[in-house]
Structures are given as C-alpha cells and as structure tokens.
Protein backbone atom coordinates (compact mmCIF):
# COMPACT_ATOMS: atom_id res chain seq x y z
CA MET A 1 14.09 50.47 -14.28
CA GLN A 2 14.03 47.29 -16.56
CA ASN A 3 14.02 45.05 -13.64
CA LYS A 4 10.63 47.08 -12.66
CA VAL A 5 9.11 47.03 -16.03
CA ARG A 6 9.58 43.04 -16.00
CA ALA A 7 8.39 42.39 -12.28
CA GLU A 8 4.96 44.56 -13.19
CA GLU A 9 4.62 42.46 -16.21
CA LEU A 10 5.23 39.12 -14.17
CA LEU A 11 2.54 40.88 -11.64
CA GLU A 12 0.17 41.40 -14.19
CA THR A 13 0.36 37.58 -15.63
CA ILE A 14 -0.26 35.89 -12.38
CA ASP A 15 -3.17 38.33 -11.74
CA LYS A 16 -4.80 37.87 -14.77
CA GLY A 17 -4.34 33.99 -14.57
CA LYS A 18 -6.01 31.41 -11.74
CA TYR A 19 -2.70 30.72 -10.11
CA PHE A 20 -2.01 29.42 -6.36
CA THR A 21 -5.03 27.50 -6.25
CA THR A 22 -3.60 24.42 -4.77
CA LEU A 23 -2.50 25.47 -1.56
CA LYS A 24 -5.17 27.03 0.88
CA PRO A 25 -3.71 29.35 3.57
CA VAL A 26 -4.51 27.59 7.07
CA PRO A 27 -6.36 31.05 9.09
CA LYS A 28 -4.61 31.81 12.27
CA GLU A 29 -1.12 29.81 11.08
CA THR A 30 1.46 31.40 10.12
CA ASN A 31 3.37 29.05 7.21
CA SER A 32 0.73 26.21 7.12
CA PHE A 33 -1.35 25.65 3.83
CA SER A 34 -3.95 22.99 3.65
CA ILE A 35 -4.79 20.92 0.21
CA GLN A 36 -7.38 19.41 -0.93
CA LEU A 37 -7.77 15.89 -1.63
CA LYS A 38 -11.04 14.53 -3.27
CA VAL A 39 -12.20 10.98 -2.48
CA SER A 40 -15.57 9.58 -3.18
CA SER A 41 -16.30 8.18 0.53
CA TYR A 42 -14.92 6.82 3.76
CA ASN A 43 -14.12 3.58 2.60
CA GLU A 44 -11.90 5.21 -0.47
CA LEU A 45 -10.02 7.24 2.17
CA ASN A 46 -9.54 4.62 4.19
CA LEU A 47 -8.02 2.89 1.33
CA MET A 48 -5.24 5.49 0.63
CA VAL A 49 -4.31 6.06 3.84
CA SER A 50 -3.81 1.66 4.27
CA ASP A 51 -1.72 2.22 1.13
CA LEU A 52 0.55 4.68 2.33
CA LEU A 53 0.96 2.99 5.25
CA LYS A 54 1.21 -0.40 3.31
CA ALA A 55 3.94 0.57 0.99
CA SER A 56 5.77 3.08 3.50
CA ILE A 57 6.24 -0.37 6.32
CA ILE A 58 7.25 -2.18 3.49
CA LEU A 59 9.94 0.32 1.95
CA LEU A 60 11.15 0.73 5.84
CA ASN A 61 11.44 -2.70 6.37
CA PRO A 62 13.73 -4.93 4.17
CA ASP A 63 12.49 -8.11 5.89
CA ALA A 64 8.63 -7.20 5.65
CA GLN A 65 8.23 -8.95 2.01
CA SER A 66 4.93 -9.44 3.33
CA LEU A 67 2.46 -7.46 5.62
CA SER A 68 0.25 -10.57 7.05
CA SER A 69 1.53 -9.76 10.57
CA PHE A 70 0.20 -6.72 9.98
CA THR A 71 -3.06 -6.74 8.05
CA LYS A 72 -4.93 -9.43 6.33
CA ASP A 73 -4.59 -7.88 3.02
CA ASN A 74 -0.95 -7.45 2.45
CA ASN A 75 -1.78 -6.02 -1.44
CA VAL A 76 -0.29 -2.57 -1.90
CA ASN A 77 -2.84 -0.63 -4.11
CA VAL A 78 0.10 1.27 -6.55
CA MET A 79 -2.82 2.68 -8.57
CA THR A 80 -4.48 4.74 -5.28
CA LEU A 81 -0.90 5.86 -4.57
CA LEU A 82 -0.35 7.33 -7.92
CA GLU A 83 -4.27 9.21 -8.05
CA ILE A 84 -2.98 10.90 -4.60
CA ALA A 85 0.08 12.12 -6.30
CA LEU A 86 -1.66 13.69 -9.32
CA GLN A 87 -4.19 15.21 -6.95
CA LEU A 88 -1.14 17.17 -5.47
CA LEU A 89 0.29 18.23 -8.33
CA PRO A 90 0.29 22.10 -8.56
CA GLU A 91 -1.42 22.09 -12.19
CA GLU A 92 -1.97 26.29 -11.87
CA GLU A 93 1.69 26.73 -10.66
CA MET A 94 2.94 24.81 -13.58
CA GLU A 95 0.78 27.14 -16.03
CA LEU A 96 2.45 30.18 -14.02
CA LEU A 97 6.11 28.74 -14.29
CA ASP A 98 5.39 28.46 -17.68
CA ASP A 99 4.24 32.14 -18.17
CA VAL A 100 7.25 33.74 -16.45
CA ARG A 101 9.47 31.28 -18.64
CA LYS A 102 7.47 33.19 -21.33
CA LEU A 103 8.29 36.64 -20.09
CA TYR A 104 11.79 36.13 -19.01
CA TYR A 105 12.99 35.11 -22.45
CA LYS A 106 11.08 37.68 -23.96
CA GLU A 107 13.65 40.27 -23.33
C-alpha cells in the first residue's frame, strides 16, 4: 500500500511539471525519438557537423595531428561541440529527478 501511495505521488509530480520534453516520439516508429537542435543557419549547421567530424577523425587516428589532407580548415571549434552538448542536456528531466529524490526522502 505504501508503494502504491509513493507511485501515485510520483505520477502527480510528473503531471504537474513539464517533463519529458527533450525527446519527441517519432510517429509510426517504435522506440524512436527525435531531438531538436537549434541553429541559426545552414552555415552554422554545416560548421557544427564539420567540427564533429574533424574531432572524430583526430581522436580516431593518432597520426592525424592535422587535417590538412582532408580540409582546408583543420581547426576544431571546441566551443561548437560544447554548445551541441548543452542543447542535448535534458534539463526538465533533471528537475524531475530532483523531485523524485524529494519524494524518495520524504518518507
């Protein structure tokens, strides 16, 4: 009975907040979700993908100290990679975890 009450409290907490907003279900696909990544232009999107690829090449190939044979610009913009990571963090879900922790220790 006590677990049932705690489960109901958890569901009420979830219903009150705006949680589970980071992952959007993909219609007509099972266990597939999409995530929104905000960019200001096609150029910014291109730079993001380019930086991800450059960083991956450098990390996977110890001999690739530079990417001169791959591209004219061999600098990896780490700031771009960090911005992508920030956009992918599920902030609302972290708030939910805090609320669940409070319910857990309420006992």
